[in-house]
């Protein structure tokens, strides 16, 4: 892990997508009013498919509570 002068931490490798998305969905579902989660992905086909698969796996009740989960890929 590398830490920048601003305190940002960088780690090589792919992120823990299920944990990150679950955390974002739960945080967003706690926000009052209209909301939703948008996930943008740009990278190799394997990463794009992993993101799509992770987004499809979000629990239906959580998906509804947060206002939906959408994936945009490039």
C-alpha atoms as a PDB file:
ATOM      1  CA  UNK A   1       0.000   0.000   0.000  1.00  0.00           C
ATOM      2  CA  UNK A   2       1.204   3.494  -0.833  1.00  0.00           C
ATOM      3  CA  UNK A   3       0.084   6.671   0.868  1.00  0.00           C
ATOM      4  CA  UNK A   4       0.210  10.040  -0.884  1.00  0.00           C
ATOM      5  CA  UNK A   5       1.041  13.402   0.661  1.00  0.00           C
ATOM      6  CA  UNK A   6      -2.711  14.087   0.892  1.00  0.00           C
ATOM      7  CA  UNK A   7      -3.273  10.917   2.896  1.00  0.00           C
ATOM      8  CA  UNK A   8      -4.894   8.909   0.091  1.00  0.00           C
ATOM      9  CA  UNK A   9      -4.038   5.215   0.254  1.00  0.00           C
ATOM     10  CA  UNK A  10      -3.393   3.173  -2.896  1.00  0.00           C
ATOM     11  CA  UNK A  11      -3.282  -0.609  -3.093  1.00  0.00           C
ATOM     12  CA  UNK A  12      -2.506  -2.664  -6.191  1.00  0.00           C
ATOM     13  CA  UNK A  13      -5.161  -5.047  -7.474  1.00  0.00           C
ATOM     14  CA  UNK A  14      -8.899  -5.107  -7.970  1.00  0.00           C
ATOM     15  CA  UNK A  15     -11.174  -3.645  -5.321  1.00  0.00           C
ATOM     16  CA  UNK A  16     -13.369  -5.826  -3.104  1.00  0.00           C
ATOM     17  CA  UNK A  17     -16.426  -5.086  -5.254  1.00  0.00           C
ATOM     18  CA  UNK A  18     -19.135  -6.899  -3.275  1.00  0.00           C
ATOM     19  CA  UNK A  19     -18.124  -5.185  -0.033  1.00  0.00           C
ATOM     20  CA  UNK A  20     -17.797  -1.747  -1.653  1.00  0.00           C
ATOM     21  CA  UNK A  21     -21.131  -1.939  -3.442  1.00  0.00           C
ATOM     22  CA  UNK A  22     -22.916  -3.315  -0.380  1.00  0.00           C
ATOM     23  CA  UNK A  23     -21.529  -0.460   1.707  1.00  0.00           C
ATOM     24  CA  UNK A  24     -22.587   2.172  -0.846  1.00  0.00           C
ATOM     25  CA  UNK A  25     -26.079   0.702  -1.221  1.00  0.00           C
ATOM     26  CA  UNK A  26     -26.573   0.620   2.552  1.00  0.00           C
ATOM     27  CA  UNK A  27     -25.314   4.195   2.966  1.00  0.00           C
ATOM     28  CA  UNK A  28     -27.508   5.422   0.113  1.00  0.00           C
ATOM     29  CA  UNK A  29     -30.597   3.653   1.467  1.00  0.00           C
ATOM     30  CA  UNK A  30     -30.214   5.688   4.684  1.00  0.00           C
ATOM     31  CA  UNK A  31     -30.427   9.004   2.783  1.00  0.00           C
ATOM     32  CA  UNK A  32     -33.906  10.553   2.756  1.00  0.00           C
ATOM     33  CA  UNK A  33     -35.425  11.530  -0.565  1.00  0.00           C
ATOM     34  CA  UNK A  34     -34.800  10.352  -4.115  1.00  0.00           C
ATOM     35  CA  UNK A  35     -31.490   8.570  -4.588  1.00  0.00           C
ATOM     36  CA  UNK A  36     -29.784   5.637  -6.250  1.00  0.00           C
ATOM     37  CA  UNK A  37     -26.367   4.126  -6.876  1.00  0.00           C
ATOM     38  CA  UNK A  38     -24.551   4.444 -10.200  1.00  0.00           C
ATOM     39  CA  UNK A  39     -21.502   2.290 -10.823  1.00  0.00           C
ATOM     40  CA  UNK A  40     -19.140   3.303 -13.631  1.00  0.00           C
ATOM     41  CA  UNK A  41     -16.647   0.788 -14.948  1.00  0.00           C
ATOM     42  CA  UNK A  42     -13.951   1.078 -17.574  1.00  0.00           C
ATOM     43  CA  UNK A  43     -11.425  -1.680 -17.945  1.00  0.00           C
ATOM     44  CA  UNK A  44     -10.780  -5.171 -19.216  1.00  0.00           C
ATOM     45  CA  UNK A  45     -13.795  -7.379 -20.023  1.00  0.00           C
ATOM     46  CA  UNK A  46     -13.249  -9.493 -16.906  1.00  0.00           C
ATOM     47  CA  UNK A  47     -13.527  -6.469 -14.637  1.00  0.00           C
ATOM     48  CA  UNK A  48     -16.613  -5.187 -16.461  1.00  0.00           C
ATOM     49  CA  UNK A  49     -18.311  -8.587 -16.104  1.00  0.00           C
ATOM     50  CA  UNK A  50     -17.364  -8.779 -12.421  1.00  0.00           C
ATOM     51  CA  UNK A  51     -18.957  -5.364 -11.815  1.00  0.00           C
ATOM     52  CA  UNK A  52     -22.126  -6.336 -13.721  1.00  0.00           C
ATOM     53  CA  UNK A  53     -22.368  -9.621 -11.799  1.00  0.00           C
ATOM     54  CA  UNK A  54     -21.843  -7.861  -8.466  1.00  0.00           C
ATOM     55  CA  UNK A  55     -24.526  -5.267  -9.255  1.00  0.00           C
ATOM     56  CA  UNK A  56     -26.991  -7.994 -10.273  1.00  0.00           C
ATOM     57  CA  UNK A  57     -26.331  -9.717  -6.947  1.00  0.00           C
ATOM     58  CA  UNK A  58     -27.474  -6.814  -4.768  1.00  0.00           C
ATOM     59  CA  UNK A  59     -30.333  -7.923  -2.526  1.00  0.00           C
ATOM     60  CA  UNK A  60     -33.681  -6.846  -4.011  1.00  0.00           C
ATOM     61  CA  UNK A  61     -34.870  -5.137  -0.803  1.00  0.00           C
ATOM     62  CA  UNK A  62     -31.618  -3.157  -0.518  1.00  0.00           C
ATOM     63  CA  UNK A  63     -31.764  -2.277  -4.214  1.00  0.00           C
ATOM     64  CA  UNK A  64     -35.282  -0.941  -3.757  1.00  0.00           C
ATOM     65  CA  UNK A  65     -34.444   0.885  -0.502  1.00  0.00           C
ATOM     66  CA  UNK A  66     -31.534   2.767  -2.077  1.00  0.00           C
ATOM     67  CA  UNK A  67     -33.461   3.798  -5.190  1.00  0.00           C
ATOM     68  CA  UNK A  68     -31.858   1.321  -7.584  1.00  0.00           C
ATOM     69  CA  UNK A  69     -28.431   0.273  -8.815  1.00  0.00           C
ATOM     70  CA  UNK A  70     -27.317   1.073 -12.368  1.00  0.00           C
ATOM     71  CA  UNK A  71     -24.096   0.100 -14.154  1.00  0.00           C
ATOM     72  CA  UNK A  72     -22.514   2.233 -16.872  1.00  0.00           C
ATOM     73  CA  UNK A  73     -19.643   0.681 -18.784  1.00  0.00           C
ATOM     74  CA  UNK A  74     -17.168   1.999 -21.309  1.00  0.00           C
END
